[in-house]
Amino acid sequence: MKGPIALEIEALLSAAFAPAAVTVINDSDRHHGHAGHDGSGESHFTVEMESPAFAGKSRLERQRMVIRALGDIPGQRVHALAIKARAPGE
């Protein structure tokens, strides 16, 4: 079952990018005892997404687009966010 932050990430990305596919993976349990693990169960995530919005953009531009779309979640409400953003056909 997805927690509230995972659901919010998925909703924000869906609204911003109309992705063909979006997967939000909660990696928090793998980081138990590490820096940034706050015990909430929602501190570390991986996002995998495919969207036409990423066509012609560099990996860095794609990451910046995703971070902007997520507002205060990365770095404030979530300790770590891995982003795997691709355009269709990649």
PDB file of N, CA and C in Angstrom:
ATOM      1  N   MET A   1       0.838  -1.184   0.000  1.00  0.00           N
ATOM      2  CA  MET A   1       0.000   0.000   0.000  1.00  0.00           C
ATOM      3  C   MET A   1       0.885   1.251   0.000  1.00  0.00           C
ATOM      4  N   LYS A   2       0.524   2.213  -0.839  1.00  0.00           N
ATOM      5  CA  LYS A   2       1.302   3.447  -0.932  1.00  0.00           C
ATOM      6  C   LYS A   2       0.902   4.411   0.172  1.00  0.00           C
ATOM      7  N   GLY A   3       1.917   5.104   0.703  1.00  0.00           N
ATOM      8  CA  GLY A   3       1.684   6.109   1.725  1.00  0.00           C
ATOM      9  C   GLY A   3       1.274   7.436   1.106  1.00  0.00           C
ATOM     10  N   PRO A   4       0.952   8.408   1.941  1.00  0.00           N
ATOM     11  CA  PRO A   4       0.468   9.696   1.437  1.00  0.00           C
ATOM     12  C   PRO A   4       1.480  10.458   0.590  1.00  0.00           C
ATOM     13  N   ILE A   5       2.747  10.391   0.925  1.00  0.00           N
ATOM     14  CA  ILE A   5       3.748  11.109   0.125  1.00  0.00           C
ATOM     15  C   ILE A   5       3.905  10.449  -1.233  1.00  0.00           C
ATOM     16  N   ALA A   6       3.954   9.122  -1.285  1.00  0.00           N
ATOM     17  CA  ALA A   6       4.057   8.417  -2.566  1.00  0.00           C
ATOM     18  C   ALA A   6       2.868   8.748  -3.460  1.00  0.00           C
ATOM     19  N   LEU A   7       1.676   8.780  -2.885  1.00  0.00           N
ATOM     20  CA  LEU A   7       0.483   9.117  -3.662  1.00  0.00           C
ATOM     21  C   LEU A   7       0.538  10.558  -4.159  1.00  0.00           C
ATOM     22  N   GLU A   8       1.043  11.459  -3.330  1.00  0.00           N
ATOM     23  CA  GLU A   8       1.162  12.867  -3.734  1.00  0.00           C
ATOM     24  C   GLU A   8       2.177  13.021  -4.863  1.00  0.00           C
ATOM     25  N   ILE A   9       3.315  12.330  -4.755  1.00  0.00           N
ATOM     26  CA  ILE A   9       4.324  12.370  -5.822  1.00  0.00           C
ATOM     27  C   ILE A   9       3.702  11.895  -7.136  1.00  0.00           C
ATOM     28  N   GLU A  10       3.014  10.770  -7.088  1.00  0.00           N
ATOM     29  CA  GLU A  10       2.392  10.210  -8.293  1.00  0.00           C
ATOM     30  C   GLU A  10       1.373  11.186  -8.886  1.00  0.00           C
ATOM     31  N   ALA A  11       0.550  11.796  -8.056  1.00  0.00           N
ATOM     32  CA  ALA A  11      -0.469  12.733  -8.535  1.00  0.00           C
ATOM     33  C   ALA A  11       0.162  13.986  -9.151  1.00  0.00           C
ATOM     34  N   LEU A  12       1.180  14.541  -8.503  1.00  0.00           N
ATOM     35  CA  LEU A  12       1.844  15.738  -9.027  1.00  0.00           C
ATOM     36  C   LEU A  12       2.510  15.463 -10.369  1.00  0.00           C
ATOM     37  N   LEU A  13       3.188  14.323 -10.490  1.00  0.00           N
ATOM     38  CA  LEU A  13       3.866  13.988 -11.738  1.00  0.00           C
ATOM     39  C   LEU A  13       2.866  13.689 -12.847  1.00  0.00           C
ATOM     40  N   SER A  14       1.778  13.030 -12.517  1.00  0.00           N
ATOM     41  CA  SER A  14       0.743  12.750 -13.511  1.00  0.00           C
ATOM     42  C   SER A  14       0.134  14.040 -14.038  1.00  0.00           C
ATOM     43  N   ALA A  15      -0.121  14.992 -13.144  1.00  0.00           N
ATOM     44  CA  ALA A  15      -0.699  16.272 -13.543  1.00  0.00           C
ATOM     45  C   ALA A  15       0.284  17.096 -14.377  1.00  0.00           C
ATOM     46  N   ALA A  16       1.556  17.066 -14.033  1.00  0.00           N
ATOM     47  CA  ALA A  16       2.552  17.908 -14.704  1.00  0.00           C
ATOM     48  C   ALA A  16       2.997  17.359 -16.059  1.00  0.00           C
ATOM     49  N   PHE A  17       3.049  16.033 -16.193  1.00  0.00           N
ATOM     50  CA  PHE A  17       3.685  15.451 -17.377  1.00  0.00           C
ATOM     51  C   PHE A  17       2.796  14.532 -18.204  1.00  0.00           C
ATOM     52  N   ALA A  18       1.586  14.233 -17.769  1.00  0.00           N
ATOM     53  CA  ALA A  18       0.707  13.289 -18.463  1.00  0.00           C
ATOM     54  C   ALA A  18       1.519  12.091 -18.969  1.00  0.00           C
ATOM     55  N   PRO A  19       2.207  11.413 -18.058  1.00  0.00           N
ATOM     56  CA  PRO A  19       3.119  10.349 -18.484  1.00  0.00           C
ATOM     57  C   PRO A  19       2.390   9.121 -19.031  1.00  0.00           C
ATOM     58  N   ALA A  20       3.068   8.431 -19.961  1.00  0.00           N
ATOM     59  CA  ALA A  20       2.565   7.145 -20.446  1.00  0.00           C
ATOM     60  C   ALA A  20       2.677   6.120 -19.326  1.00  0.00           C
ATOM     61  N   ALA A  21       3.674   6.299 -18.478  1.00  0.00           N
ATOM     62  CA  ALA A  21       3.887   5.407 -17.334  1.00  0.00           C
ATOM     63  C   ALA A  21       4.606   6.181 -16.238  1.00  0.00           C
ATOM     64  N   VAL A  22       4.183   5.949 -14.997  1.00  0.00           N
ATOM     65  CA  VAL A  22       4.873   6.524 -13.842  1.00  0.00           C
ATOM     66  C   VAL A  22       4.829   5.495 -12.718  1.00  0.00           C
ATOM     67  N   THR A  23       6.000   5.256 -12.122  1.00  0.00           N
ATOM     68  CA  THR A  23       6.107   4.331 -11.003  1.00  0.00           C
ATOM     69  C   THR A  23       6.848   5.042  -9.882  1.00  0.00           C
ATOM     70  N   VAL A  24       6.263   5.017  -8.698  1.00  0.00           N
ATOM     71  CA  VAL A  24       6.895   5.603  -7.517  1.00  0.00           C
ATOM     72  C   VAL A  24       7.226   4.451  -6.580  1.00  0.00           C
ATOM     73  N   ILE A  25       8.519   4.251  -6.345  1.00  0.00           N
ATOM     74  CA  ILE A  25       9.003   3.136  -5.530  1.00  0.00           C
ATOM     75  C   ILE A  25       9.515   3.678  -4.206  1.00  0.00           C
ATOM     76  N   ASN A  26       8.990   3.152  -3.115  1.00  0.00           N
ATOM     77  CA  ASN A  26       9.422   3.569  -1.787  1.00  0.00           C
ATOM     78  C   ASN A  26      10.636   2.720  -1.393  1.00  0.00           C
ATOM     79  N   ASP A  27      11.802   3.370  -1.326  1.00  0.00           N
ATOM     80  CA  ASP A  27      13.064   2.701  -0.991  1.00  0.00           C
ATOM     81  C   ASP A  27      13.436   2.891   0.480  1.00  0.00           C
ATOM     82  N   SER A  28      12.561   3.446   1.281  1.00  0.00           N
ATOM     83  CA  SER A  28      12.889   3.849   2.646  1.00  0.00           C
ATOM     84  C   SER A  28      13.417   2.701   3.509  1.00  0.00           C
ATOM     85  N   ASP A  29      12.808   1.531   3.414  1.00  0.00           N
ATOM     86  CA  ASP A  29      13.248   0.400   4.239  1.00  0.00           C
ATOM     87  C   ASP A  29      14.689   0.003   3.962  1.00  0.00           C
ATOM     88  N   ARG A  30      15.153   0.221   2.746  1.00  0.00           N
ATOM     89  CA  ARG A  30      16.545  -0.113   2.395  1.00  0.00           C
ATOM     90  C   ARG A  30      17.537   0.838   3.053  1.00  0.00           C
ATOM     91  N   HIS A  31      17.038   1.949   3.608  1.00  0.00           N
ATOM     92  CA  HIS A  31      17.923   2.964   4.188  1.00  0.00           C
ATOM     93  C   HIS A  31      17.763   3.082   5.700  1.00  0.00           C
ATOM     94  N   HIS A  32      17.134   2.097   6.314  1.00  0.00           N
ATOM     95  CA  HIS A  32      16.947   2.108   7.773  1.00  0.00           C
ATOM     96  C   HIS A  32      18.306   2.244   8.463  1.00  0.00           C
ATOM     97  N   GLY A  33      18.415   3.198   9.355  1.00  0.00           N
ATOM     98  CA  GLY A  33      19.663   3.425  10.080  1.00  0.00           C
ATOM     99  C   GLY A  33      20.629   4.355   9.373  1.00  0.00           C
ATOM    100  N   HIS A  34      20.319   4.767   8.153  1.00  0.00           N
ATOM    101  CA  HIS A  34      21.190   5.677   7.408  1.00  0.00           C
ATOM    102  C   HIS A  34      20.752   7.122   7.645  1.00  0.00           C
ATOM    103  N   ALA A  35      21.596   8.044   7.265  1.00  0.00           N
ATOM    104  CA  ALA A  35      21.258   9.468   7.364  1.00  0.00           C
ATOM    105  C   ALA A  35      20.005   9.743   6.553  1.00  0.00           C
ATOM    106  N   GLY A  36      19.134  10.540   7.109  1.00  0.00           N
ATOM    107  CA  GLY A  36      17.924  10.924   6.402  1.00  0.00           C
ATOM    108  C   GLY A  36      16.754   9.996   6.610  1.00  0.00           C
ATOM    109  N   HIS A  37      16.990   8.818   7.160  1.00  0.00           N
ATOM    110  CA  HIS A  37      15.885   7.896   7.446  1.00  0.00           C
ATOM    111  C   HIS A  37      15.218   8.400   8.714  1.00  0.00           C
ATOM    112  N   ASP A  38      14.013   8.948   8.569  1.00  0.00           N
ATOM    113  CA  ASP A  38      13.369   9.617   9.694  1.00  0.00           C
ATOM    114  C   ASP A  38      12.353   8.759  10.435  1.00  0.00           C
ATOM    115  N   GLY A  39      12.219   7.510  10.035  1.00  0.00           N
ATOM    116  CA  GLY A  39      11.277   6.628  10.698  1.00  0.00           C
ATOM    117  C   GLY A  39       9.851   6.746  10.196  1.00  0.00           C
ATOM    118  N   SER A  40       9.601   7.659   9.263  1.00  0.00           N
ATOM    119  CA  SER A  40       8.251   7.863   8.736  1.00  0.00           C
ATOM    120  C   SER A  40       7.840   6.770   7.765  1.00  0.00           C
ATOM    121  N   GLY A  41       8.833   6.066   7.239  1.00  0.00           N
ATOM    122  CA  GLY A  41       8.544   5.075   6.219  1.00  0.00           C
ATOM    123  C   GLY A  41       8.433   5.682   4.832  1.00  0.00           C
ATOM    124  N   GLU A  42       8.621   6.990   4.718  1.00  0.00           N
ATOM    125  CA  GLU A  42       8.560   7.667   3.420  1.00  0.00           C
ATOM    126  C   GLU A  42       9.655   8.725   3.330  1.00  0.00           C
ATOM    127  N   SER A  43      10.907   8.276   3.344  1.00  0.00           N
ATOM    128  CA  SER A  43      12.034   9.205   3.298  1.00  0.00           C
ATOM    129  C   SER A  43      12.871   9.081   2.027  1.00  0.00           C
ATOM    130  N   HIS A  44      12.798   7.937   1.344  1.00  0.00           N
ATOM    131  CA  HIS A  44      13.611   7.672   0.151  1.00  0.00           C
ATOM    132  C   HIS A  44      12.724   7.075  -0.944  1.00  0.00           C
ATOM    133  N   PHE A  45      12.809   7.661  -2.140  1.00  0.00           N
ATOM    134  CA  PHE A  45      11.984   7.183  -3.247  1.00  0.00           C
ATOM    135  C   PHE A  45      12.785   7.116  -4.543  1.00  0.00           C
ATOM    136  N   THR A  46      12.322   6.242  -5.439  1.00  0.00           N
ATOM    137  CA  THR A  46      12.769   6.216  -6.826  1.00  0.00           C
ATOM    138  C   THR A  46      11.541   6.465  -7.682  1.00  0.00           C
ATOM    139  N   VAL A  47      11.681   7.367  -8.646  1.00  0.00           N
ATOM    140  CA  VAL A  47      10.611   7.650  -9.599  1.00  0.00           C
ATOM    141  C   VAL A  47      11.083   7.198 -10.972  1.00  0.00           C
ATOM    142  N   GLU A  48      10.269   6.384 -11.630  1.00  0.00           N
ATOM    143  CA  GLU A  48      10.528   5.963 -13.009  1.00  0.00           C
ATOM    144  C   GLU A  48       9.355   6.456 -13.839  1.00  0.00           C
ATOM    145  N   MET A  49       9.664   7.224 -14.895  1.00  0.00           N
ATOM    146  CA  MET A  49       8.584   7.838 -15.655  1.00  0.00           C
ATOM    147  C   MET A  49       8.938   7.955 -17.127  1.00  0.00           C
ATOM    148  N   GLU A  50       7.930   7.780 -17.966  1.00  0.00           N
ATOM    149  CA  GLU A  50       8.065   7.991 -19.408  1.00  0.00           C
ATOM    150  C   GLU A  50       7.035   9.029 -19.828  1.00  0.00           C
ATOM    151  N   SER A  51       7.512  10.086 -20.481  1.00  0.00           N
ATOM    152  CA  SER A  51       6.615  11.151 -20.913  1.00  0.00           C
ATOM    153  C   SER A  51       7.169  11.840 -22.161  1.00  0.00           C
ATOM    154  N   PRO A  52       6.289  12.215 -23.094  1.00  0.00           N
ATOM    155  CA  PRO A  52       6.733  12.997 -24.249  1.00  0.00           C
ATOM    156  C   PRO A  52       7.356  14.330 -23.847  1.00  0.00           C
ATOM    157  N   ALA A  53       7.046  14.829 -22.658  1.00  0.00           N
ATOM    158  CA  ALA A  53       7.610  16.098 -22.188  1.00  0.00           C
ATOM    159  C   ALA A  53       9.132  16.051 -22.087  1.00  0.00           C
ATOM    160  N   PHE A  54       9.704  14.861 -22.017  1.00  0.00           N
ATOM    161  CA  PHE A  54      11.151  14.726 -21.859  1.00  0.00           C
ATOM    162  C   PHE A  54      11.898  14.611 -23.192  1.00  0.00           C
ATOM    163  N   ALA A  55      11.177  14.554 -24.300  1.00  0.00           N
ATOM    164  CA  ALA A  55      11.820  14.429 -25.609  1.00  0.00           C
ATOM    165  C   ALA A  55      12.736  15.619 -25.863  1.00  0.00           C
ATOM    166  N   GLY A  56      13.944  15.339 -26.286  1.00  0.00           N
ATOM    167  CA  GLY A  56      14.905  16.388 -26.612  1.00  0.00           C
ATOM    168  C   GLY A  56      15.550  17.059 -25.417  1.00  0.00           C
ATOM    169  N   LYS A  57      15.279  16.574 -24.216  1.00  0.00           N
ATOM    170  CA  LYS A  57      15.852  17.167 -23.002  1.00  0.00           C
ATOM    171  C   LYS A  57      17.000  16.302 -22.489  1.00  0.00           C
ATOM    172  N   SER A  58      17.989  16.938 -21.894  1.00  0.00           N
ATOM    173  CA  SER A  58      19.104  16.205 -21.292  1.00  0.00           C
ATOM    174  C   SER A  58      18.637  15.561 -19.983  1.00  0.00           C
ATOM    175  N   ARG A  59      19.438  14.647 -19.468  1.00  0.00           N
ATOM    176  CA  ARG A  59      19.114  13.993 -18.200  1.00  0.00           C
ATOM    177  C   ARG A  59      18.973  15.032 -17.088  1.00  0.00           C
ATOM    178  N   LEU A  60      19.854  16.012 -17.055  1.00  0.00           N
ATOM    179  CA  LEU A  60      19.803  17.058 -16.035  1.00  0.00           C
ATOM    180  C   LEU A  60      18.539  17.909 -16.179  1.00  0.00           C
ATOM    181  N   GLU A  61      18.184  18.283 -17.406  1.00  0.00           N
ATOM    182  CA  GLU A  61      16.963  19.063 -17.617  1.00  0.00           C
ATOM    183  C   GLU A  61      15.736  18.277 -17.143  1.00  0.00           C
ATOM    184  N   ARG A  62      15.706  16.991 -17.428  1.00  0.00           N
ATOM    185  CA  ARG A  62      14.591  16.150 -17.008  1.00  0.00           C
ATOM    186  C   ARG A  62      14.480  16.102 -15.486  1.00  0.00           C
ATOM    187  N   GLN A  63      15.619  15.937 -14.825  1.00  0.00           N
ATOM    188  CA  GLN A  63      15.610  15.888 -13.364  1.00  0.00           C
ATOM    189  C   GLN A  63      15.122  17.208 -12.778  1.00  0.00           C
ATOM    190  N   ARG A  64      15.567  18.302 -13.341  1.00  0.00           N
ATOM    191  CA  ARG A  64      15.137  19.618 -12.861  1.00  0.00           C
ATOM    192  C   ARG A  64      13.632  19.809 -13.065  1.00  0.00           C
ATOM    193  N   MET A  65      13.099  19.333 -14.186  1.00  0.00           N
ATOM    194  CA  MET A  65      11.660  19.425 -14.455  1.00  0.00           C
ATOM    195  C   MET A  65      10.865  18.664 -13.392  1.00  0.00           C
ATOM    196  N   VAL A  66      11.330  17.464 -13.070  1.00  0.00           N
ATOM    197  CA  VAL A  66      10.640  16.630 -12.079  1.00  0.00           C
ATOM    198  C   VAL A  66      10.708  17.285 -10.699  1.00  0.00           C
ATOM    199  N   ILE A  67      11.880  17.764 -10.321  1.00  0.00           N
ATOM    200  CA  ILE A  67      12.044  18.399  -9.008  1.00  0.00           C
ATOM    201  C   ILE A  67      11.155  19.642  -8.885  1.00  0.00           C
ATOM    202  N   ARG A  68      11.094  20.446  -9.948  1.00  0.00           N
ATOM    203  CA  ARG A  68      10.211  21.630  -9.931  1.00  0.00           C
ATOM    204  C   ARG A  68       8.750  21.218  -9.742  1.00  0.00           C
ATOM    205  N   ALA A  69       8.337  20.173 -10.430  1.00  0.00           N
ATOM    206  CA  ALA A  69       6.943  19.722 -10.361  1.00  0.00           C
ATOM    207  C   ALA A  69       6.575  19.221  -8.962  1.00  0.00           C
ATOM    208  N   LEU A  70       7.568  18.765  -8.202  1.00  0.00           N
ATOM    209  CA  LEU A  70       7.305  18.201  -6.877  1.00  0.00           C
ATOM    210  C   LEU A  70       7.346  19.228  -5.747  1.00  0.00           C
ATOM    211  N   GLY A  71       7.654  20.467  -6.067  1.00  0.00           N
ATOM    212  CA  GLY A  71       7.605  21.531  -5.058  1.00  0.00           C
ATOM    213  C   GLY A  71       8.516  21.278  -3.872  1.00  0.00           C
ATOM    214  N   ASP A  72       7.933  21.257  -2.660  1.00  0.00           N
ATOM    215  CA  ASP A  72       8.735  21.139  -1.444  1.00  0.00           C
ATOM    216  C   ASP A  72       9.020  19.692  -1.039  1.00  0.00           C
ATOM    217  N   ILE A  73       8.611  18.745  -1.846  1.00  0.00           N
ATOM    218  CA  ILE A  73       8.831  17.343  -1.454  1.00  0.00           C
ATOM    219  C   ILE A  73      10.319  16.979  -1.451  1.00  0.00           C
ATOM    220  N   PRO A  74      11.048  17.165  -2.569  1.00  0.00           N
ATOM    221  CA  PRO A  74      12.475  16.789  -2.540  1.00  0.00           C
ATOM    222  C   PRO A  74      13.278  17.714  -1.621  1.00  0.00           C
ATOM    223  N   GLY A  75      14.053  17.119  -0.744  1.00  0.00           N
ATOM    224  CA  GLY A  75      14.938  17.890   0.116  1.00  0.00           C
ATOM    225  C   GLY A  75      14.303  18.420   1.382  1.00  0.00           C
ATOM    226  N   GLN A  76      12.991  18.530   1.416  1.00  0.00           N
ATOM    227  CA  GLN A  76      12.324  19.027   2.622  1.00  0.00           C
ATOM    228  C   GLN A  76      11.477  17.938   3.258  1.00  0.00           C
ATOM    229  N   ARG A  77      10.595  17.341   2.477  1.00  0.00           N
ATOM    230  CA  ARG A  77       9.725  16.296   3.031  1.00  0.00           C
ATOM    231  C   ARG A  77      10.243  14.901   2.739  1.00  0.00           C
ATOM    232  N   VAL A  78      11.129  14.792   1.767  1.00  0.00           N
ATOM    233  CA  VAL A  78      11.741  13.514   1.401  1.00  0.00           C
ATOM    234  C   VAL A  78      13.251  13.728   1.373  1.00  0.00           C
ATOM    235  N   HIS A  79      13.985  12.806   1.992  1.00  0.00           N
ATOM    236  CA  HIS A  79      15.438  12.950   2.073  1.00  0.00           C
ATOM    237  C   HIS A  79      16.119  12.679   0.734  1.00  0.00           C
ATOM    238  N   ALA A  80      15.680  11.644   0.015  1.00  0.00           N
ATOM    239  CA  ALA A  80      16.353  11.264  -1.223  1.00  0.00           C
ATOM    240  C   ALA A  80      15.340  10.874  -2.284  1.00  0.00           C
ATOM    241  N   LEU A  81      15.620  11.303  -3.530  1.00  0.00           N
ATOM    242  CA  LEU A  81      14.749  11.005  -4.651  1.00  0.00           C
ATOM    243  C   LEU A  81      15.610  10.666  -5.855  1.00  0.00           C
ATOM    244  N   ALA A  82      15.544   9.423  -6.307  1.00  0.00           N
ATOM    245  CA  ALA A  82      16.228   9.017  -7.534  1.00  0.00           C
ATOM    246  C   ALA A  82      15.232   9.169  -8.681  1.00  0.00           C
ATOM    247  N   ILE A  83      15.679   9.753  -9.789  1.00  0.00           N
ATOM    248  CA  ILE A  83      14.776  10.035 -10.901  1.00  0.00           C
ATOM    249  C   ILE A  83      15.284   9.336 -12.155  1.00  0.00           C
ATOM    250  N   LYS A  84      14.406   8.538 -12.765  1.00  0.00           N
ATOM    251  CA  LYS A  84      14.683   7.878 -14.028  1.00  0.00           C
ATOM    252  C   LYS A  84      13.600   8.333 -14.989  1.00  0.00           C
ATOM    253  N   ALA A  85      13.878   9.409 -15.738  1.00  0.00           N
ATOM    254  CA  ALA A  85      12.901  10.018 -16.642  1.00  0.00           C
ATOM    255  C   ALA A  85      13.329   9.769 -18.078  1.00  0.00           C
ATOM    256  N   ARG A  86      12.391   9.269 -18.891  1.00  0.00           N
ATOM    257  CA  ARG A  86      12.722   8.997 -20.292  1.00  0.00           C
ATOM    258  C   ARG A  86      11.582   9.422 -21.189  1.00  0.00           C
ATOM    259  N   ALA A  87      11.929   9.661 -22.447  1.00  0.00           N
ATOM    260  CA  ALA A  87      10.934   9.975 -23.461  1.00  0.00           C
ATOM    261  C   ALA A  87      10.483   8.668 -24.119  1.00  0.00           C
ATOM    262  N   PRO A  88       9.315   8.646 -24.749  1.00  0.00           N
ATOM    263  CA  PRO A  88       8.863   7.429 -25.418  1.00  0.00           C
ATOM    264  C   PRO A  88       9.908   6.931 -26.416  1.00  0.00           C
ATOM    265  N   GLY A  89      10.088   5.648 -26.453  1.00  0.00           N
ATOM    266  CA  GLY A  89      11.034   5.047 -27.393  1.00  0.00           C
ATOM    267  C   GLY A  89      12.459   4.937 -26.894  1.00  0.00           C
ATOM    268  N   GLU A  90      12.730   5.458 -25.713  1.00  0.00           N
ATOM    269  CA  GLU A  90      14.089   5.387 -25.161  1.00  0.00           C
ATOM    270  C   GLU A  90      14.274   4.132 -24.321  1.00  0.00           C
TER     271      GLU A  90
END
